[in-house]
């Protein structure tokens, strides 16, 4: 009987062009970092056009280059809309510069993330080089581009063209993929957030914390809608003697504006994810996922998927999701029965009842934590990274002749 020979997977020489820095921090940056964590360093070239990654957070051995964009500083001021208008009008100007800088690398495919405006530059560069474009969508571009609402149709039109141009359209959740399929008439694929290659494995939920204040844990950026949910939770916890422990990059001014200077809300700086998981297991009883009930955030809630769930489900702790029924994270919890406690309406009484139930039922918390761990393995484990690499390999095209 003849032996079966398995050919090694040959990944393309990949040129990343985008606003999202490729570093181990939060959200889209973490999604990129983790999916590229095992990519051959010599076959990867990172071109960051907006935020600059910090060297200590980068992929080891990978060539990074930063090509600064004009008006970038305005993006973090009240003139963010003007900065975005200028950037969308000048996306073509960067294409020639990128091609000249990347010529020695001889790319075989282009990767980008639909955030800011550099995804349009990446699409134009892919066209000029006659290379396949691979598009990751983590946030809905018309919302994340910072244009005034009346001008967001500009983004919508360009994104629709680029989405159809891409040979692989990798959406952060099946609900995002469904939304775009209905809007743009082409199918995409679901790429759930991936756990880190060196993620810790906890065989059992953490031990109970008798005699200590019942504590909700949260990590990440706090938007106005999330702050609404956090304030409601803090109010519900107060008569129970409970508190919220938050790890976030928000400064004091931002915390005050969001109304989170509260006696039972404690905000600490972000820390590396491995340390964060240990802190959660040691200092919290339930991990909290606050979402936005604001009408203006509806499309964002439908299309986005909170990548922190990949890490939350590692801890063995129970998860409590507080958000509207149409939010993708809520739909994920409904599809995976008993993976989390869920309250899908902004009713303070319903929120208080759920928190009281979690506080008083240790067996329920332990079972929810075990369920989350099992479902997390299925949704966010190593196969996510292999799925991503598979898309790149299927569409590989070699344009440059090999010497």
Protein backbone atom coordinates (compact mmCIF):
# COMPACT_ATOMS: atom_id res chain seq x y z
CA UNK A 1 0.00 0.00 0.00
CA UNK A 2 1.47 3.32 -1.08
CA UNK A 3 2.30 5.81 1.64
CA UNK A 4 0.24 9.00 1.78
CA UNK A 5 2.45 12.04 1.38
CA UNK A 6 1.16 15.28 2.93
CA UNK A 7 2.51 18.38 1.24
CA UNK A 8 3.70 21.09 3.62
CA UNK A 9 1.54 24.21 3.70
CA UNK A 10 3.26 26.97 1.76
CA UNK A 11 2.06 30.38 2.88
CA UNK A 12 2.45 33.42 0.62
CA UNK A 13 4.88 36.27 1.14
CA UNK A 14 2.41 38.53 2.90
CA UNK A 15 2.36 42.34 2.85
CA UNK A 16 0.21 43.83 5.60
CA UNK A 17 -1.02 47.40 5.04
CA UNK A 18 -3.26 49.00 7.62
CA UNK A 19 -4.09 51.53 10.31
CA UNK A 20 -4.27 48.85 12.99
CA UNK A 21 -0.83 48.22 14.51
CA UNK A 22 0.22 44.57 14.67
CA UNK A 23 1.01 44.22 18.36
CA UNK A 24 -0.20 42.31 21.38
CA UNK A 25 -2.54 44.87 22.98
CA UNK A 26 -6.31 44.99 22.40
CA UNK A 27 -9.11 44.31 19.90
CA UNK A 28 -8.04 44.40 16.23
CA UNK A 29 -4.33 44.59 17.07
CA UNK A 30 -4.58 41.43 19.16
CA UNK A 31 -6.62 39.68 16.46
CA UNK A 32 -3.87 40.38 13.91
CA UNK A 33 -1.02 39.53 16.26
CA UNK A 34 -2.47 36.18 17.28
CA UNK A 35 -3.37 35.05 13.77
CA UNK A 36 0.12 35.99 12.54
CA UNK A 37 1.92 34.70 15.64
CA UNK A 38 3.12 31.50 13.96
CA UNK A 39 3.59 33.01 10.48
CA UNK A 40 7.16 32.62 9.10
CA UNK A 41 8.89 35.91 9.94
CA UNK A 42 10.79 36.01 6.63
CA UNK A 43 7.50 35.84 4.71
CA UNK A 44 5.83 38.75 6.48
CA UNK A 45 6.26 42.50 5.99
CA UNK A 46 4.25 44.89 8.19
CA UNK A 47 3.44 48.39 6.88
CA UNK A 48 1.67 50.47 9.55
CA UNK A 49 0.16 53.71 8.29
CA UNK A 50 -1.43 55.24 11.39
CA UNK A 51 -0.66 54.11 14.93
CA UNK A 52 2.84 52.77 15.49
CA UNK A 53 3.29 49.47 17.32
CA UNK A 54 5.68 49.37 20.26
CA UNK A 55 8.80 47.28 19.57
CA UNK A 56 8.38 45.17 22.71
CA UNK A 57 4.84 44.20 21.62
CA UNK A 58 5.70 43.23 18.04
CA UNK A 59 5.99 39.87 16.32
CA UNK A 60 9.61 38.76 16.82
CA UNK A 61 11.87 38.80 13.79
CA UNK A 62 9.30 40.46 11.49
CA UNK A 63 10.16 43.51 9.39
CA UNK A 64 8.02 46.51 10.44
CA UNK A 65 7.90 49.86 8.68
CA UNK A 66 5.88 52.98 9.52
CA UNK A 67 4.81 55.38 6.77
CA UNK A 68 3.30 58.40 8.57
CA UNK A 69 0.04 59.89 7.38
CA UNK A 70 -0.62 63.62 7.31
CA UNK A 71 -3.14 65.03 9.79
CA UNK A 72 -2.72 61.93 11.99
CA UNK A 73 -2.49 63.98 15.18
CA UNK A 74 -5.90 65.51 14.47
CA UNK A 75 -7.46 62.04 14.67
CA UNK A 76 -7.31 62.23 18.48
CA UNK A 77 -8.79 65.71 18.81
CA UNK A 78 -12.14 67.37 18.20
CA UNK A 79 -10.99 67.74 14.58
CA UNK A 80 -11.10 63.95 14.00
CA UNK A 81 -13.78 64.40 11.31
CA UNK A 82 -11.55 66.80 9.34
CA UNK A 83 -8.64 64.39 9.65
CA UNK A 84 -10.78 61.54 8.30
CA UNK A 85 -12.04 63.62 5.35
CA UNK A 86 -8.47 64.54 4.42
CA UNK A 87 -7.30 60.94 4.74
CA UNK A 88 -10.05 59.42 2.61
CA UNK A 89 -9.33 62.01 -0.07
CA UNK A 90 -5.62 61.16 -0.16
CA UNK A 91 -5.55 57.37 0.19
CA UNK A 92 -4.13 57.00 -3.33
CA UNK A 93 -1.07 59.11 -2.50
CA UNK A 94 0.41 56.38 -0.29
CA UNK A 95 0.19 53.59 -2.88
CA UNK A 96 3.34 54.46 -4.85
CA UNK A 97 5.35 54.97 -1.68
CA UNK A 98 4.28 51.58 -0.30
CA UNK A 99 5.05 49.77 -3.58
CA UNK A 100 8.54 51.29 -3.73
CA UNK A 101 9.30 50.37 -0.12
CA UNK A 102 7.95 46.81 -0.49
CA UNK A 103 9.54 46.05 -3.87
CA UNK A 104 12.53 44.24 -2.36
CA UNK A 105 10.17 42.03 -0.32
CA UNK A 106 8.41 40.68 -3.44
CA UNK A 107 4.96 40.18 -1.87
CA UNK A 108 2.55 37.51 -3.10
CA UNK A 109 -0.57 38.69 -1.25
CA UNK A 110 -1.87 41.76 0.58
CA UNK A 111 -3.61 41.71 3.97
CA UNK A 112 -5.51 44.58 5.58
CA UNK A 113 -8.01 45.32 8.34
CA UNK A 114 -11.07 47.45 7.58
CA UNK A 115 -10.40 50.17 10.13
CA UNK A 116 -9.63 53.84 9.55
CA UNK A 117 -8.85 54.39 5.86
CA UNK A 118 -5.73 52.36 5.03
CA UNK A 119 -7.83 49.38 3.90
CA UNK A 120 -8.61 51.48 0.80
CA UNK A 121 -4.90 52.13 0.25
CA UNK A 122 -4.24 48.39 0.65
CA UNK A 123 -6.91 47.58 -1.95
CA UNK A 124 -5.37 50.03 -4.42
CA UNK A 125 -1.89 48.62 -3.81
CA UNK A 126 -3.16 45.07 -4.36
CA UNK A 127 -4.72 46.16 -7.67
CA UNK A 128 -1.52 47.90 -8.79
CA UNK A 129 0.58 44.84 -7.93
CA UNK A 130 -2.03 42.41 -9.32
CA UNK A 131 -2.06 40.56 -6.02
CA UNK A 132 -4.95 38.96 -4.09
CA UNK A 133 -6.40 41.06 -1.29
CA UNK A 134 -7.33 39.46 2.04
CA UNK A 135 -9.66 41.58 4.13
CA UNK A 136 -10.29 41.23 7.87
CA UNK A 137 -13.31 43.11 9.19
CA UNK A 138 -13.29 43.66 12.94
CA UNK A 139 -15.39 46.85 13.08
CA UNK A 140 -17.96 48.29 10.68
CA UNK A 141 -15.91 50.85 8.64
CA UNK A 142 -18.64 53.51 8.19
CA UNK A 143 -18.78 53.73 11.99
CA UNK A 144 -15.06 53.44 12.77
CA UNK A 145 -13.89 55.98 10.14
CA UNK A 146 -14.78 59.04 12.31
CA UNK A 147 -16.56 60.86 9.50
CA UNK A 148 -19.60 62.96 10.39
CA UNK A 149 -22.78 60.86 10.10
CA UNK A 150 -23.99 62.72 6.99
CA UNK A 151 -20.77 61.83 5.15
CA UNK A 152 -20.52 58.16 6.09
CA UNK A 153 -22.01 57.15 2.74
CA UNK A 154 -18.54 57.89 1.27
CA UNK A 155 -17.09 55.11 3.39
CA UNK A 156 -20.02 52.81 2.64
CA UNK A 157 -19.53 53.12 -1.13
CA UNK A 158 -15.78 52.53 -1.06
CA UNK A 159 -16.02 49.70 1.44
CA UNK A 160 -18.62 47.91 -0.67
CA UNK A 161 -16.23 48.00 -3.67
CA UNK A 162 -13.25 46.78 -1.62
CA UNK A 163 -15.30 44.09 0.14
CA UNK A 164 -16.30 42.68 -3.24
CA UNK A 165 -12.73 42.99 -4.56
CA UNK A 166 -11.21 40.89 -1.76
CA UNK A 167 -10.55 37.21 -2.47
CA UNK A 168 -11.18 36.42 1.19
CA UNK A 169 -13.53 38.40 3.42
CA UNK A 170 -12.92 37.42 7.01
CA UNK A 171 -15.63 38.72 9.34
CA UNK A 172 -15.31 38.66 13.12
CA UNK A 173 -18.63 36.83 13.57
CA UNK A 174 -21.28 34.97 11.52
CA UNK A 175 -23.70 37.83 12.23
CA UNK A 176 -21.35 40.34 10.64
CA UNK A 177 -20.92 38.04 7.63
CA UNK A 178 -24.70 37.70 7.28
CA UNK A 179 -25.14 41.48 7.52
CA UNK A 180 -22.63 42.14 4.72
CA UNK A 181 -23.97 39.31 2.57
CA UNK A 182 -27.39 40.94 2.65
CA UNK A 183 -25.95 44.41 2.06
CA UNK A 184 -23.36 43.65 -0.65
CA UNK A 185 -24.54 40.42 -2.26
CA UNK A 186 -21.33 38.41 -1.77
CA UNK A 187 -20.47 35.77 0.81
CA UNK A 188 -17.73 36.08 3.38
CA UNK A 189 -16.30 33.81 6.08
CA UNK A 190 -16.39 33.95 9.85
CA UNK A 191 -13.06 34.38 11.65
CA UNK A 192 -13.75 34.39 15.38
CA UNK A 193 -11.06 36.01 17.55
CA UNK A 194 -8.20 33.62 18.24
CA UNK A 195 -6.53 32.77 21.52
CA UNK A 196 -2.81 33.39 21.82
CA UNK A 197 -0.52 30.54 20.81
CA UNK A 198 0.96 30.59 24.33
CA UNK A 199 -2.37 30.98 26.14
CA UNK A 200 -2.42 29.39 29.62
CA UNK A 201 -4.60 26.34 30.22
CA UNK A 202 -6.56 26.11 33.46
CA UNK A 203 -7.94 22.61 34.08
CA UNK A 204 -10.44 23.79 36.73
CA UNK A 205 -12.33 26.97 37.63
CA UNK A 206 -10.66 29.06 40.35
CA UNK A 207 -11.41 28.39 43.99
CA UNK A 208 -14.29 30.34 45.59
CA UNK A 209 -13.47 33.61 47.39
CA UNK A 210 -15.40 33.34 50.70
CA UNK A 211 -15.54 36.46 52.83
CA UNK A 212 -14.49 38.81 50.02
CA UNK A 213 -16.62 41.37 48.18
CA UNK A 214 -18.50 39.96 45.20
CA UNK A 215 -16.60 41.39 42.23
CA UNK A 216 -17.30 41.74 38.51
CA UNK A 217 -14.25 41.93 36.24
CA UNK A 218 -13.96 43.81 32.95
CA UNK A 219 -11.06 44.61 30.62
CA UNK A 220 -10.96 46.83 27.56
CA UNK A 221 -11.91 50.18 26.11
CA UNK A 222 -14.95 51.83 27.66
CA UNK A 223 -17.30 53.52 25.19
CA UNK A 224 -20.22 55.74 26.16
CA UNK A 225 -22.65 52.84 25.68
CA UNK A 226 -20.50 50.48 27.72
CA UNK A 227 -20.27 53.10 30.46
CA UNK A 228 -24.09 53.20 30.65
CA UNK A 229 -24.09 49.45 31.36
CA UNK A 230 -21.23 49.68 33.85
CA UNK A 231 -22.99 52.44 35.83
CA UNK A 232 -26.19 50.37 35.98
CA UNK A 233 -24.24 47.35 37.19
CA UNK A 234 -22.42 49.42 39.82
CA UNK A 235 -25.76 50.72 41.13
CA UNK A 236 -27.19 47.19 41.27
CA UNK A 237 -24.12 45.91 43.13
CA UNK A 238 -24.04 48.66 45.75
CA UNK A 239 -26.79 47.25 48.03
CA UNK A 240 -25.20 43.80 47.62
CA UNK A 241 -21.82 45.07 48.80
CA UNK A 242 -20.38 44.24 45.36
CA UNK A 243 -17.86 46.04 43.19
CA UNK A 244 -16.45 46.21 39.66
CA UNK A 245 -12.74 45.81 38.85
CA UNK A 246 -11.80 47.29 35.46
CA UNK A 247 -8.52 47.08 33.52
CA UNK A 248 -8.48 49.82 30.90
CA UNK A 249 -6.22 52.41 29.27
CA UNK A 250 -8.76 55.17 30.05
CA UNK A 251 -7.25 58.19 31.81
CA UNK A 252 -8.77 60.09 34.73
CA UNK A 253 -10.37 62.72 32.52
CA UNK A 254 -12.06 60.04 30.43
CA UNK A 255 -13.21 58.15 33.53
CA UNK A 256 -14.80 61.32 34.92
CA UNK A 257 -16.54 62.10 31.62
CA UNK A 258 -17.97 58.58 31.51
CA UNK A 259 -19.39 58.96 35.02
CA UNK A 260 -17.36 56.07 36.45
CA UNK A 261 -15.78 57.77 39.44
CA UNK A 262 -17.90 55.64 41.72
CA UNK A 263 -17.11 54.18 45.18
CA UNK A 264 -17.47 50.57 44.05
CA UNK A 265 -15.75 50.92 40.65
CA UNK A 266 -11.97 50.45 40.62
CA UNK A 267 -10.04 51.13 37.41
CA UNK A 268 -6.49 49.89 36.90
CA UNK A 269 -4.11 50.20 33.92
CA UNK A 270 -4.07 47.45 31.29
CA UNK A 271 -1.62 44.60 31.87
CA UNK A 272 -0.35 41.70 29.69
CA UNK A 273 -3.09 39.16 29.01
CA UNK A 274 -1.40 36.28 30.88
CA UNK A 275 -1.13 38.40 34.00
CA UNK A 276 -4.66 39.69 33.44
CA UNK A 277 -6.10 36.17 33.45
CA UNK A 278 -4.35 35.42 36.74
CA UNK A 279 -5.63 38.68 38.24
CA UNK A 280 -9.17 37.84 37.17
CA UNK A 281 -9.01 34.34 38.66
CA UNK A 282 -7.61 35.70 41.93
CA UNK A 283 -9.68 38.87 42.38
CA UNK A 284 -13.05 38.44 40.63
CA UNK A 285 -16.09 36.17 40.82
CA UNK A 286 -17.74 36.89 37.46
CA UNK A 287 -16.44 38.43 34.22
CA UNK A 288 -18.68 41.18 32.88
CA UNK A 289 -19.36 41.97 29.23
CA UNK A 290 -21.25 45.29 29.07
CA UNK A 291 -22.69 46.21 25.67
CA UNK A 292 -24.51 49.27 24.36
CA UNK A 293 -28.30 49.62 24.28
CA UNK A 294 -28.07 53.01 22.55
CA UNK A 295 -30.08 53.12 19.27
CA UNK A 296 -27.21 54.82 17.44
CA UNK A 297 -24.96 51.84 18.28
CA UNK A 298 -27.29 49.15 16.88
CA UNK A 299 -25.35 48.37 13.69
CA UNK A 300 -22.11 48.33 15.68
CA UNK A 301 -23.58 45.84 18.16
CA UNK A 302 -24.86 43.61 15.33
CA UNK A 303 -21.63 43.58 13.34
CA UNK A 304 -18.97 43.62 16.06
CA UNK A 305 -17.93 40.72 18.28
CA UNK A 306 -16.03 41.34 21.50
CA UNK A 307 -12.66 39.63 21.13
CA UNK A 308 -12.21 39.63 24.91
CA UNK A 309 -14.49 36.57 24.97
CA UNK A 310 -11.54 34.52 23.66
CA UNK A 311 -9.68 35.37 26.88
CA UNK A 312 -12.69 35.47 29.21
CA UNK A 313 -13.47 31.84 28.36
CA UNK A 314 -9.91 30.81 29.30
CA UNK A 315 -10.28 31.72 32.95
CA UNK A 316 -12.88 29.18 34.08
CA UNK A 317 -14.88 32.08 35.51
CA UNK A 318 -18.58 32.60 34.72
CA UNK A 319 -19.44 35.31 32.19
CA UNK A 320 -22.29 37.80 32.52
CA UNK A 321 -23.39 39.52 29.28
CA UNK A 322 -25.55 42.63 29.56
CA UNK A 323 -26.65 43.86 26.14
CA UNK A 324 -29.44 43.99 23.54
CA UNK A 325 -30.83 40.80 21.99
CA UNK A 326 -29.55 41.78 18.53
CA UNK A 327 -25.92 42.10 19.70
CA UNK A 328 -23.67 39.39 18.25
CA UNK A 329 -22.25 38.45 21.67
CA UNK A 330 -25.77 37.94 23.03
CA UNK A 331 -26.69 35.82 19.98
CA UNK A 332 -23.51 33.79 20.48
CA UNK A 333 -24.52 33.13 24.10
CA UNK A 334 -28.05 32.15 23.06
CA UNK A 335 -26.71 29.71 20.45
CA UNK A 336 -24.33 28.15 23.00
CA UNK A 337 -26.74 27.31 25.78
CA UNK A 338 -25.60 27.99 29.36
CA UNK A 339 -22.30 29.53 28.27
CA UNK A 340 -23.12 32.76 30.13
CA UNK A 341 -25.68 34.58 32.22
CA UNK A 342 -27.48 37.00 29.88
CA UNK A 343 -29.73 40.00 30.43
CA UNK A 344 -30.86 41.43 27.09
CA UNK A 345 -32.84 44.48 28.18
CA UNK A 346 -31.70 47.64 30.01
CA UNK A 347 -34.05 47.05 32.93
CA UNK A 348 -32.28 47.77 36.23
CA UNK A 349 -34.47 45.29 38.12
CA UNK A 350 -33.65 42.42 35.73
CA UNK A 351 -29.96 43.28 36.04
CA UNK A 352 -30.15 43.30 39.85
CA UNK A 353 -31.97 39.94 39.92
CA UNK A 354 -29.35 38.30 37.73
CA UNK A 355 -26.50 39.66 39.87
CA UNK A 356 -28.23 38.52 43.07
CA UNK A 357 -28.68 35.03 41.59
CA UNK A 358 -25.01 34.82 40.63
CA UNK A 359 -23.86 36.08 44.00
CA UNK A 360 -25.95 33.55 45.91
CA UNK A 361 -25.36 30.44 43.81
CA UNK A 362 -21.77 29.23 43.82
CA UNK A 363 -22.71 25.99 41.99
CA UNK A 364 -24.26 28.02 39.15
CA UNK A 365 -21.15 30.17 38.84
CA UNK A 366 -18.91 27.11 38.72
CA UNK A 367 -21.04 25.38 36.09
CA UNK A 368 -21.19 28.51 33.91
CA UNK A 369 -17.40 28.80 34.15
CA UNK A 370 -16.92 25.19 33.05
CA UNK A 371 -19.38 25.62 30.17
CA UNK A 372 -17.60 28.77 29.00
CA UNK A 373 -14.26 26.96 29.02
CA UNK A 374 -15.60 24.14 26.85
CA UNK A 375 -17.36 26.41 24.34
CA UNK A 376 -14.29 28.67 24.23
CA UNK A 377 -12.13 25.75 23.11
CA UNK A 378 -14.47 25.12 20.19
CA UNK A 379 -14.82 28.75 19.10
CA UNK A 380 -11.47 30.44 19.81
CA UNK A 381 -8.82 27.72 19.85
CA UNK A 382 -5.88 27.05 17.52
CA UNK A 383 -8.13 25.97 14.64
CA UNK A 384 -9.07 29.67 14.19
CA UNK A 385 -5.46 30.44 13.27
CA UNK A 386 -5.29 27.46 10.91
CA UNK A 387 -8.53 28.57 9.29
CA UNK A 388 -7.03 32.02 8.69
CA UNK A 389 -3.84 30.59 7.20
CA UNK A 390 -5.92 28.28 5.02
CA UNK A 391 -7.62 31.26 3.40
CA UNK A 392 -4.27 32.85 2.59
CA UNK A 393 -2.92 29.63 1.05
CA UNK A 394 -5.98 28.88 -1.07
CA UNK A 395 -5.75 32.23 -2.80
CA UNK A 396 -1.97 32.34 -3.18
CA UNK A 397 -0.76 33.93 -6.43
CA UNK A 398 2.89 34.45 -7.31
CA UNK A 399 3.53 37.54 -9.43
CA UNK A 400 7.30 38.02 -9.10
CA UNK A 401 9.61 35.52 -10.77
CA UNK A 402 11.87 33.63 -8.41
CA UNK A 403 15.60 34.04 -8.92
